[in-house]
Amino acid sequence: MTITASRFFSTDPGQLTPEVEDRFFTALKTGNNTFKRTASDRFERLDERCAQRFRKTGTVLREVLDIGISSGATTLALSECLNRAGQNPRITGTDLSLTAYLLPVGGGMQVLVDEQGNPMQYEMFGRALRAWTRRADYFTGMIGVHGLLRMATRGAIRRQLERGDREGHAVRLLTPRLLRHPDISIEKNDIFQRTEHFESRFDFIRAANILNRGYFDEAALRLALTNVARYLAGPGAWLLVGRTSRSGTASTLFRVAPDGRRFVLVERSAGGSEIERLVLSTPVPPAAAAA
């Protein structure tokens, strides 16, 4: 059974196992139709392959960017993998949805909402109810329950957010283990907005389960890749792009070519990334090439 948000965020982090964290975050869906779905070992094999490649090429990582970290569980796993391989980089993790609000709405209920006020979990008398619908709900009748809950809580949510009653109810949508890590920093960031203090900075960027055709059209993907290319630290820097499927994480590892102007393909896993062609056709901007 999924733990309630009130219990999750009030429990001593030392008492929260990775399994409990995974169940909690997997049940959350934000207003932009993406899940905070997570699994600590999701990219384990992929991380190991990257670490082996870095070791073989004599790469020393100083700074790493992990884009679209969800709960941050896989960011922690990446850090641990790199540490085991003798790497000790600073890691910056980014996501667009990092804060939520746990709001009381009366009648013994609380609702966990994202920053736009979209419900992610209902809590009734200590029991967690997901706030999103699935196909089976049309047959079980849960679709009606969800509709009633939305109508019953919409006004209370809106009034509290309009009054600014946020700060006392704010929670971080991140594994508590991540927040205590000395070598990992977290930033709210939009991959489609150019971030100047990221430019020409990172030796390795991982974009896993974020840049894919299921989320974005080709124009948006090209814009995101242009920004990612700006953030790499010039010739020899690495980029990993992948998407998890039933057969594994289909990914491709790229590197900035010695001329600093383009990407070259280094290695594929599970057939390679679905946007491999787009990456290879993305020029590396002069700012990164000059680093």
C-alpha atoms as a PDB file:
ATOM      1  CA  MET A   1       0.000   0.000   0.000  1.00  0.00           C
ATOM      2  CA  THR A   2       1.231   3.512  -0.855  1.00  0.00           C
ATOM      3  CA  ILE A   3       2.188   5.664   2.122  1.00  0.00           C
ATOM      4  CA  THR A   4       0.286   8.930   2.568  1.00  0.00           C
ATOM      5  CA  ALA A   5       2.055  12.203   1.846  1.00  0.00           C
ATOM      6  CA  SER A   6       1.568  13.446   5.405  1.00  0.00           C
ATOM      7  CA  ARG A   7       3.196  10.337   6.823  1.00  0.00           C
ATOM      8  CA  PHE A   8       5.961  10.277   4.212  1.00  0.00           C
ATOM      9  CA  PHE A   9       7.053  13.855   4.817  1.00  0.00           C
ATOM     10  CA  SER A  10       6.809  13.592   8.622  1.00  0.00           C
ATOM     11  CA  THR A  11       8.784  10.348   8.931  1.00  0.00           C
ATOM     12  CA  ASP A  12      12.436  10.431   9.937  1.00  0.00           C
ATOM     13  CA  PRO A  13      14.359  10.037   6.643  1.00  0.00           C
ATOM     14  CA  GLY A  14      16.398   7.287   8.241  1.00  0.00           C
ATOM     15  CA  GLN A  15      13.246   5.211   8.571  1.00  0.00           C
ATOM     16  CA  LEU A  16      12.246   5.520   4.899  1.00  0.00           C
ATOM     17  CA  THR A  17      13.506   2.631   2.826  1.00  0.00           C
ATOM     18  CA  PRO A  18      14.168   3.001  -0.922  1.00  0.00           C
ATOM     19  CA  GLU A  19      11.223   0.645  -1.521  1.00  0.00           C
ATOM     20  CA  VAL A  20       8.823   2.906   0.396  1.00  0.00           C
ATOM     21  CA  GLU A  21      10.150   5.945  -1.475  1.00  0.00           C
ATOM     22  CA  ASP A  22       9.745   4.231  -4.832  1.00  0.00           C
ATOM     23  CA  ARG A  23       6.124   3.274  -4.112  1.00  0.00           C
ATOM     24  CA  PHE A  24       5.274   6.764  -2.933  1.00  0.00           C
ATOM     25  CA  PHE A  25       6.755   8.680  -5.861  1.00  0.00           C
ATOM     26  CA  THR A  26       5.589   6.176  -8.476  1.00  0.00           C
ATOM     27  CA  ALA A  27       1.986   6.938  -7.506  1.00  0.00           C
ATOM     28  CA  LEU A  28       2.332  10.699  -8.134  1.00  0.00           C
ATOM     29  CA  LYS A  29       1.424  12.345 -11.425  1.00  0.00           C
ATOM     30  CA  THR A  30       1.940  16.062 -12.044  1.00  0.00           C
ATOM     31  CA  GLY A  31      -0.284  18.443 -13.967  1.00  0.00           C
ATOM     32  CA  ASN A  32       1.961  18.285 -17.049  1.00  0.00           C
ATOM     33  CA  ASN A  33       0.992  14.614 -17.378  1.00  0.00           C
ATOM     34  CA  THR A  34       4.332  13.201 -16.212  1.00  0.00           C
ATOM     35  CA  PHE A  35       4.860  10.848 -13.289  1.00  0.00           C
ATOM     36  CA  LYS A  36       7.328  11.274 -10.448  1.00  0.00           C
ATOM     37  CA  ARG A  37       7.867   7.576 -11.114  1.00  0.00           C
ATOM     38  CA  THR A  38      11.166   6.307  -9.791  1.00  0.00           C
ATOM     39  CA  ALA A  39      13.198   3.220  -9.063  1.00  0.00           C
ATOM     40  CA  SER A  40      16.582   3.456  -7.417  1.00  0.00           C
ATOM     41  CA  ASP A  41      18.135   0.773  -9.618  1.00  0.00           C
ATOM     42  CA  ARG A  42      16.495   1.791 -12.908  1.00  0.00           C
ATOM     43  CA  PHE A  43      19.725   2.889 -14.608  1.00  0.00           C
ATOM     44  CA  GLU A  44      22.145   0.661 -12.717  1.00  0.00           C
ATOM     45  CA  ARG A  45      23.586  -1.183 -15.728  1.00  0.00           C
ATOM     46  CA  LEU A  46      23.699   1.974 -17.790  1.00  0.00           C
ATOM     47  CA  ASP A  47      25.558   3.875 -15.073  1.00  0.00           C
ATOM     48  CA  GLU A  48      28.089   1.058 -14.801  1.00  0.00           C
ATOM     49  CA  ARG A  49      28.697   1.059 -18.565  1.00  0.00           C
ATOM     50  CA  CYS A  50      29.287   4.804 -18.536  1.00  0.00           C
ATOM     51  CA  ALA A  51      31.665   4.513 -15.584  1.00  0.00           C
ATOM     52  CA  GLN A  52      33.615   1.802 -17.399  1.00  0.00           C
ATOM     53  CA  ARG A  53      33.838   3.986 -20.502  1.00  0.00           C
ATOM     54  CA  PHE A  54      35.118   6.924 -18.482  1.00  0.00           C
ATOM     55  CA  ARG A  55      37.750   4.712 -16.880  1.00  0.00           C
ATOM     56  CA  LYS A  56      38.944   3.309 -20.203  1.00  0.00           C
ATOM     57  CA  THR A  57      39.297   6.767 -21.731  1.00  0.00           C
ATOM     58  CA  GLY A  58      40.967   8.315 -18.687  1.00  0.00           C
ATOM     59  CA  THR A  59      38.112  10.763 -18.228  1.00  0.00           C
ATOM     60  CA  VAL A  60      38.059  12.704 -14.968  1.00  0.00           C
ATOM     61  CA  LEU A  61      34.647  14.114 -14.187  1.00  0.00           C
ATOM     62  CA  ARG A  62      34.550  17.405 -12.344  1.00  0.00           C
ATOM     63  CA  GLU A  63      30.916  18.388 -12.843  1.00  0.00           C
ATOM     64  CA  VAL A  64      27.908  16.321 -13.894  1.00  0.00           C
ATOM     65  CA  LEU A  65      24.408  17.455 -14.871  1.00  0.00           C
ATOM     66  CA  ASP A  66      21.463  15.082 -14.405  1.00  0.00           C
ATOM     67  CA  ILE A  67      18.375  16.404 -16.210  1.00  0.00           C
ATOM     68  CA  GLY A  68      14.827  15.471 -15.236  1.00  0.00           C
ATOM     69  CA  ILE A  69      15.664  13.754 -11.961  1.00  0.00           C
ATOM     70  CA  SER A  70      12.097  13.069 -10.782  1.00  0.00           C
ATOM     71  CA  SER A  71      12.515  12.108  -7.099  1.00  0.00           C
ATOM     72  CA  GLY A  72      16.303  12.068  -7.365  1.00  0.00           C
ATOM     73  CA  ALA A  73      16.692   8.391  -6.438  1.00  0.00           C
ATOM     74  CA  THR A  74      18.533   7.614  -9.667  1.00  0.00           C
ATOM     75  CA  THR A  75      20.747  10.689  -9.160  1.00  0.00           C
ATOM     76  CA  LEU A  76      21.879   9.204  -5.868  1.00  0.00           C
ATOM     77  CA  ALA A  77      22.538   5.885  -7.592  1.00  0.00           C
ATOM     78  CA  LEU A  78      24.596   7.615 -10.288  1.00  0.00           C
ATOM     79  CA  SER A  79      26.682   9.387  -7.654  1.00  0.00           C
ATOM     80  CA  GLU A  80      27.334   6.120  -5.832  1.00  0.00           C
ATOM     81  CA  CYS A  81      28.294   4.359  -9.058  1.00  0.00           C
ATOM     82  CA  LEU A  82      30.751   7.091 -10.044  1.00  0.00           C
ATOM     83  CA  ASN A  83      32.244   7.115  -6.542  1.00  0.00           C
ATOM     84  CA  ARG A  84      32.864   3.374  -6.726  1.00  0.00           C
ATOM     85  CA  ALA A  85      34.684   3.957 -10.021  1.00  0.00           C
ATOM     86  CA  GLY A  86      36.990   6.500  -8.397  1.00  0.00           C
ATOM     87  CA  GLN A  87      35.160   9.584  -9.658  1.00  0.00           C
ATOM     88  CA  ASN A  88      34.133  12.340  -7.254  1.00  0.00           C
ATOM     89  CA  PRO A  89      32.273  14.942  -9.290  1.00  0.00           C
ATOM     90  CA  ARG A  90      29.887  17.605  -8.169  1.00  0.00           C
ATOM     91  CA  ILE A  91      26.441  16.658  -9.480  1.00  0.00           C
ATOM     92  CA  THR A  92      23.687  19.130 -10.287  1.00  0.00           C
ATOM     93  CA  GLY A  93      20.223  17.589 -10.583  1.00  0.00           C
ATOM     94  CA  THR A  94      17.409  19.480 -12.279  1.00  0.00           C
ATOM     95  CA  ASP A  95      13.668  19.079 -12.635  1.00  0.00           C
ATOM     96  CA  LEU A  96      10.729  21.341 -13.406  1.00  0.00           C
ATOM     97  CA  SER A  97       8.586  20.003 -10.562  1.00  0.00           C
ATOM     98  CA  LEU A  98      10.408  19.999  -7.234  1.00  0.00           C
ATOM     99  CA  THR A  99       7.903  21.526  -4.818  1.00  0.00           C
ATOM    100  CA  ALA A 100       4.407  20.480  -3.795  1.00  0.00           C
ATOM    101  CA  TYR A 101       1.903  21.570  -1.151  1.00  0.00           C
ATOM    102  CA  LEU A 102       0.071  19.380   1.340  1.00  0.00           C
ATOM    103  CA  LEU A 103      -3.165  21.266   1.932  1.00  0.00           C
ATOM    104  CA  PRO A 104      -5.949  20.510   4.442  1.00  0.00           C
ATOM    105  CA  VAL A 105      -9.328  20.738   2.694  1.00  0.00           C
ATOM    106  CA  GLY A 106     -11.712  19.845   5.508  1.00  0.00           C
ATOM    107  CA  GLY A 107     -13.668  16.757   6.412  1.00  0.00           C
ATOM    108  CA  GLY A 108     -10.560  14.905   7.569  1.00  0.00           C
ATOM    109  CA  MET A 109      -8.977  15.236   4.119  1.00  0.00           C
ATOM    110  CA  GLN A 110      -5.670  16.551   2.825  1.00  0.00           C
ATOM    111  CA  VAL A 111      -4.541  16.932  -0.772  1.00  0.00           C
ATOM    112  CA  LEU A 112      -1.011  16.926  -2.144  1.00  0.00           C
ATOM    113  CA  VAL A 113      -0.944  19.356  -5.081  1.00  0.00           C
ATOM    114  CA  ASP A 114       1.776  20.482  -7.468  1.00  0.00           C
ATOM    115  CA  GLU A 115       2.789  24.136  -7.885  1.00  0.00           C
ATOM    116  CA  GLN A 116      -0.132  24.789 -10.233  1.00  0.00           C
ATOM    117  CA  GLY A 117      -2.638  23.323  -7.777  1.00  0.00           C
ATOM    118  CA  ASN A 118      -3.173  20.030  -9.601  1.00  0.00           C
ATOM    119  CA  PRO A 119      -3.955  17.170  -7.156  1.00  0.00           C
ATOM    120  CA  MET A 120      -1.383  14.376  -6.999  1.00  0.00           C
ATOM    121  CA  GLN A 121      -2.677  12.455  -3.982  1.00  0.00           C
ATOM    122  CA  TYR A 122      -5.815  12.585  -1.859  1.00  0.00           C
ATOM    123  CA  GLU A 123      -5.619  11.562   1.782  1.00  0.00           C
ATOM    124  CA  MET A 124      -8.779  10.484   3.550  1.00  0.00           C
ATOM    125  CA  PHE A 125      -8.648   9.410   7.204  1.00  0.00           C
ATOM    126  CA  GLY A 126      -5.065   8.211   6.873  1.00  0.00           C
ATOM    127  CA  ARG A 127      -5.518   6.437   3.558  1.00  0.00           C
ATOM    128  CA  ALA A 128      -3.839   7.470   0.302  1.00  0.00           C
ATOM    129  CA  LEU A 129      -5.881   7.712  -2.908  1.00  0.00           C
ATOM    130  CA  ARG A 130      -4.217   8.454  -6.235  1.00  0.00           C
ATOM    131  CA  ALA A 131      -5.489  11.555  -7.994  1.00  0.00           C
ATOM    132  CA  TRP A 132      -5.141  10.342 -11.573  1.00  0.00           C
ATOM    133  CA  THR A 133      -7.276   7.904 -13.502  1.00  0.00           C
ATOM    134  CA  ARG A 134      -6.399   4.763 -15.410  1.00  0.00           C
ATOM    135  CA  ARG A 135      -8.365   2.727 -17.929  1.00  0.00           C
ATOM    136  CA  ALA A 136      -9.566   0.208 -15.341  1.00  0.00           C
ATOM    137  CA  ASP A 137     -11.236   3.013 -13.356  1.00  0.00           C
ATOM    138  CA  TYR A 138     -13.988   3.219 -15.963  1.00  0.00           C
ATOM    139  CA  PHE A 139     -14.963  -0.356 -15.113  1.00  0.00           C
ATOM    140  CA  THR A 140     -14.463  -0.251 -11.339  1.00  0.00           C
ATOM    141  CA  GLY A 141     -16.304   3.025 -10.792  1.00  0.00           C
ATOM    142  CA  MET A 142     -13.224   4.853  -9.485  1.00  0.00           C
ATOM    143  CA  ILE A 143     -13.617   7.378 -12.292  1.00  0.00           C
ATOM    144  CA  GLY A 144     -16.698   8.671 -10.480  1.00  0.00           C
ATOM    145  CA  VAL A 145     -14.898   8.777  -7.147  1.00  0.00           C
ATOM    146  CA  HIS A 146     -12.090  10.832  -8.666  1.00  0.00           C
ATOM    147  CA  GLY A 147     -14.604  13.239 -10.169  1.00  0.00           C
ATOM    148  CA  LEU A 148     -16.331  13.742  -6.837  1.00  0.00           C
ATOM    149  CA  LEU A 149     -13.031  14.298  -5.036  1.00  0.00           C
ATOM    150  CA  ARG A 150     -11.953  16.917  -7.581  1.00  0.00           C
ATOM    151  CA  MET A 151     -15.247  18.796  -7.237  1.00  0.00           C
ATOM    152  CA  ALA A 152     -15.209  18.574  -3.429  1.00  0.00           C
ATOM    153  CA  THR A 153     -11.665  19.906  -3.041  1.00  0.00           C
ATOM    154  CA  ARG A 154     -11.225  22.308  -5.978  1.00  0.00           C
ATOM    155  CA  GLY A 155     -12.565  25.366  -4.174  1.00  0.00           C
ATOM    156  CA  ALA A 156     -10.528  24.829  -0.993  1.00  0.00           C
ATOM    157  CA  ILE A 157      -7.341  24.299  -2.995  1.00  0.00           C
ATOM    158  CA  ARG A 158      -7.916  27.414  -5.090  1.00  0.00           C
ATOM    159  CA  ARG A 159      -8.703  29.619  -2.084  1.00  0.00           C
ATOM    160  CA  GLN A 160      -5.607  28.560  -0.171  1.00  0.00           C
ATOM    161  CA  LEU A 161      -3.292  29.080  -3.128  1.00  0.00           C
ATOM    162  CA  GLU A 162      -4.853  32.447  -3.986  1.00  0.00           C
ATOM    163  CA  ARG A 163      -4.418  33.608  -0.359  1.00  0.00           C
ATOM    164  CA  GLY A 164      -0.786  32.570  -0.494  1.00  0.00           C
ATOM    165  CA  ASP A 165      -1.203  29.819   2.088  1.00  0.00           C
ATOM    166  CA  ARG A 166       1.702  27.875   0.620  1.00  0.00           C
ATOM    167  CA  GLU A 167       4.838  28.207   2.692  1.00  0.00           C
ATOM    168  CA  GLY A 168       3.598  26.364   5.763  1.00  0.00           C
ATOM    169  CA  HIS A 169       2.447  23.479   3.594  1.00  0.00           C
ATOM    170  CA  ALA A 170       5.367  23.249   1.146  1.00  0.00           C
ATOM    171  CA  VAL A 171       7.192  19.924   0.726  1.00  0.00           C
ATOM    172  CA  ARG A 172      10.049  18.873  -1.539  1.00  0.00           C
ATOM    173  CA  LEU A 173       9.256  16.158  -4.088  1.00  0.00           C
ATOM    174  CA  LEU A 174      12.637  14.560  -3.565  1.00  0.00           C
ATOM    175  CA  THR A 175      13.996  11.608  -1.689  1.00  0.00           C
ATOM    176  CA  PRO A 176      15.161  12.893   1.724  1.00  0.00           C
ATOM    177  CA  ARG A 177      18.412  10.983   1.228  1.00  0.00           C
ATOM    178  CA  LEU A 178      19.272  13.296  -1.652  1.00  0.00           C
ATOM    179  CA  LEU A 179      18.814  16.487   0.338  1.00  0.00           C
ATOM    180  CA  ARG A 180      21.519  15.424   2.793  1.00  0.00           C
ATOM    181  CA  HIS A 181      24.142  14.593   0.147  1.00  0.00           C
ATOM    182  CA  PRO A 182      27.146  16.987   0.253  1.00  0.00           C
ATOM    183  CA  ASP A 183      28.139  16.587  -3.409  1.00  0.00           C
ATOM    184  CA  ILE A 184      24.706  16.924  -5.037  1.00  0.00           C
ATOM    185  CA  SER A 185      22.846  20.184  -5.542  1.00  0.00           C
ATOM    186  CA  ILE A 186      19.294  20.498  -6.876  1.00  0.00           C
ATOM    187  CA  GLU A 187      17.899  23.264  -9.070  1.00  0.00           C
ATOM    188  CA  LYS A 188      14.508  23.900 -10.582  1.00  0.00           C
ATOM    189  CA  ASN A 189      15.184  24.227 -14.291  1.00  0.00           C
ATOM    190  CA  ASP A 190      13.346  24.252 -17.596  1.00  0.00           C
ATOM    191  CA  ILE A 191      15.328  22.459 -20.292  1.00  0.00           C
ATOM    192  CA  PHE A 192      13.719  24.724 -22.901  1.00  0.00           C
ATOM    193  CA  GLN A 193      15.055  27.890 -21.273  1.00  0.00           C
ATOM    194  CA  ARG A 194      18.725  28.700 -21.805  1.00  0.00           C
ATOM    195  CA  THR A 195      20.544  28.750 -18.442  1.00  0.00           C
ATOM    196  CA  GLU A 196      23.635  30.914 -18.636  1.00  0.00           C
ATOM    197  CA  HIS A 197      25.352  29.651 -15.483  1.00  0.00           C
ATOM    198  CA  PHE A 198      25.240  26.099 -16.918  1.00  0.00           C
ATOM    199  CA  GLU A 199      27.084  26.994 -20.112  1.00  0.00           C
ATOM    200  CA  SER A 200      30.393  25.227 -20.920  1.00  0.00           C
ATOM    201  CA  ARG A 201      30.375  23.708 -17.452  1.00  0.00           C
ATOM    202  CA  PHE A 202      29.635  19.968 -17.427  1.00  0.00           C
ATOM    203  CA  ASP A 203      31.900  17.047 -18.335  1.00  0.00           C
ATOM    204  CA  PHE A 204      28.964  14.608 -18.433  1.00  0.00           C
ATOM    205  CA  ILE A 205      25.247  15.209 -18.898  1.00  0.00           C
ATOM    206  CA  ARG A 206      22.642  12.512 -18.415  1.00  0.00           C
ATOM    207  CA  ALA A 207      19.180  13.075 -19.919  1.00  0.00           C
ATOM    208  CA  ALA A 208      17.298   9.875 -19.118  1.00  0.00           C
ATOM    209  CA  ASN A 209      13.541   9.521 -19.584  1.00  0.00           C
ATOM    210  CA  ILE A 210      13.109  13.201 -20.394  1.00  0.00           C
ATOM    211  CA  LEU A 211      14.068  13.902 -24.026  1.00  0.00           C
ATOM    212  CA  ASN A 212      11.803  11.572 -25.956  1.00  0.00           C
ATOM    213  CA  ARG A 213       9.076  11.738 -28.584  1.00  0.00           C
ATOM    214  CA  GLY A 214       6.449  10.614 -26.121  1.00  0.00           C
ATOM    215  CA  TYR A 215       6.772  13.952 -24.336  1.00  0.00           C
ATOM    216  CA  PHE A 216       7.873  16.456 -26.986  1.00  0.00           C
ATOM    217  CA  ASP A 217       7.665  17.130 -30.707  1.00  0.00           C
ATOM    218  CA  GLU A 218      10.761  17.457 -32.874  1.00  0.00           C
ATOM    219  CA  ALA A 219      10.968  21.251 -32.647  1.00  0.00           C
ATOM    220  CA  ALA A 220      10.950  21.114 -28.850  1.00  0.00           C
ATOM    221  CA  LEU A 221      13.541  18.337 -28.805  1.00  0.00           C
ATOM    222  CA  ARG A 222      15.845  20.333 -31.067  1.00  0.00           C
ATOM    223  CA  LEU A 223      15.551  23.361 -28.786  1.00  0.00           C
ATOM    224  CA  ALA A 224      16.332  21.260 -25.709  1.00  0.00           C
ATOM    225  CA  LEU A 225      19.338  19.629 -27.399  1.00  0.00           C
ATOM    226  CA  THR A 226      20.703  23.020 -28.406  1.00  0.00           C
ATOM    227  CA  ASN A 227      20.645  24.063 -24.758  1.00  0.00           C
ATOM    228  CA  VAL A 228      22.186  20.773 -23.627  1.00  0.00           C
ATOM    229  CA  ALA A 229      25.005  21.207 -26.142  1.00  0.00           C
ATOM    230  CA  ARG A 230      25.730  24.650 -24.675  1.00  0.00           C
ATOM    231  CA  TYR A 231      26.107  23.177 -21.197  1.00  0.00           C
ATOM    232  CA  LEU A 232      28.859  20.716 -22.116  1.00  0.00           C
ATOM    233  CA  ALA A 233      32.474  21.590 -21.294  1.00  0.00           C
ATOM    234  CA  GLY A 234      33.767  21.370 -24.848  1.00  0.00           C
ATOM    235  CA  PRO A 235      35.743  18.662 -26.715  1.00  0.00           C
ATOM    236  CA  GLY A 236      35.649  15.277 -24.988  1.00  0.00           C
ATOM    237  CA  ALA A 237      32.566  15.991 -22.869  1.00  0.00           C
ATOM    238  CA  TRP A 238      29.927  13.243 -22.700  1.00  0.00           C
ATOM    239  CA  LEU A 239      26.161  13.130 -23.228  1.00  0.00           C
ATOM    240  CA  LEU A 240      23.880  10.197 -22.431  1.00  0.00           C
ATOM    241  CA  VAL A 241      20.319  10.197 -23.793  1.00  0.00           C
ATOM    242  CA  GLY A 242      17.944   7.319 -23.105  1.00  0.00           C
ATOM    243  CA  ARG A 243      14.409   6.143 -22.504  1.00  0.00           C
ATOM    244  CA  THR A 244      13.254   3.200 -20.422  1.00  0.00           C
ATOM    245  CA  SER A 245      11.118   0.549 -22.099  1.00  0.00           C
ATOM    246  CA  ARG A 246      10.073  -3.001 -21.261  1.00  0.00           C
ATOM    247  CA  SER A 247      13.241  -4.337 -22.891  1.00  0.00           C
ATOM    248  CA  GLY A 248      15.539  -2.021 -20.961  1.00  0.00           C
ATOM    249  CA  THR A 249      16.828   1.516 -21.292  1.00  0.00           C
ATOM    250  CA  ALA A 250      17.328   2.280 -24.966  1.00  0.00           C
ATOM    251  CA  SER A 251      20.153   4.790 -24.837  1.00  0.00           C
ATOM    252  CA  THR A 252      23.061   6.248 -26.719  1.00  0.00           C
ATOM    253  CA  LEU A 253      26.274   7.673 -25.304  1.00  0.00           C
ATOM    254  CA  PHE A 254      27.702  10.589 -27.285  1.00  0.00           C
ATOM    255  CA  ARG A 255      30.844  12.654 -27.005  1.00  0.00           C
ATOM    256  CA  VAL A 256      31.764  16.113 -28.231  1.00  0.00           C
ATOM    257  CA  ALA A 257      34.199  15.629 -31.116  1.00  0.00           C
ATOM    258  CA  PRO A 258      37.809  16.856 -30.872  1.00  0.00           C
ATOM    259  CA  ASP A 259      36.949  19.803 -33.107  1.00  0.00           C
ATOM    260  CA  GLY A 260      34.347  20.865 -30.515  1.00  0.00           C
ATOM    261  CA  ARG A 261      31.675  21.456 -33.136  1.00  0.00           C
ATOM    262  CA  ARG A 262      29.576  18.287 -33.200  1.00  0.00           C
ATOM    263  CA  PHE A 263      28.587  15.102 -31.422  1.00  0.00           C
ATOM    264  CA  VAL A 264      29.948  11.668 -32.257  1.00  0.00           C
ATOM    265  CA  LEU A 265      28.283   8.378 -31.354  1.00  0.00           C
ATOM    266  CA  VAL A 266      30.259   6.292 -28.870  1.00  0.00           C
ATOM    267  CA  GLU A 267      28.020   3.448 -27.725  1.00  0.00           C
ATOM    268  CA  ARG A 268      24.448   2.156 -27.946  1.00  0.00           C
ATOM    269  CA  SER A 269      22.463   0.178 -25.395  1.00  0.00           C
ATOM    270  CA  ALA A 270      19.215  -1.729 -26.095  1.00  0.00           C
ATOM    271  CA  GLY A 271      19.073  -0.434 -29.652  1.00  0.00           C
ATOM    272  CA  GLY A 272      19.998   3.172 -28.975  1.00  0.00           C
ATOM    273  CA  SER A 273      18.097   6.362 -28.276  1.00  0.00           C
ATOM    274  CA  GLU A 274      15.067   7.182 -30.402  1.00  0.00           C
ATOM    275  CA  ILE A 275      16.413  10.722 -30.876  1.00  0.00           C
ATOM    276  CA  GLU A 276      19.916   9.639 -31.857  1.00  0.00           C
ATOM    277  CA  ARG A 277      19.620  11.282 -35.277  1.00  0.00           C
ATOM    278  CA  LEU A 278      18.586  14.592 -33.727  1.00  0.00           C
ATOM    279  CA  VAL A 279      21.563  14.602 -31.370  1.00  0.00           C
ATOM    280  CA  LEU A 280      24.025  13.875 -34.177  1.00  0.00           C
ATOM    281  CA  SER A 281      22.587  16.726 -36.246  1.00  0.00           C
ATOM    282  CA  THR A 282      22.769  19.215 -33.344  1.00  0.00           C
ATOM    283  CA  PRO A 283      25.794  21.521 -33.674  1.00  0.00           C
ATOM    284  CA  VAL A 284      27.795  22.262 -30.557  1.00  0.00           C
ATOM    285  CA  PRO A 285      27.594  26.063 -30.099  1.00  0.00           C
ATOM    286  CA  PRO A 286      30.806  28.129 -30.082  1.00  0.00           C
ATOM    287  CA  ALA A 287      30.498  28.864 -26.360  1.00  0.00           C
ATOM    288  CA  ALA A 288      31.008  25.198 -25.505  1.00  0.00           C
ATOM    289  CA  ALA A 289      33.478  24.635 -28.330  1.00  0.00           C
ATOM    290  CA  ALA A 290      35.744  27.331 -26.941  1.00  0.00           C
ATOM    291  CA  ALA A 291      35.787  25.894 -23.405  1.00  0.00           C
END
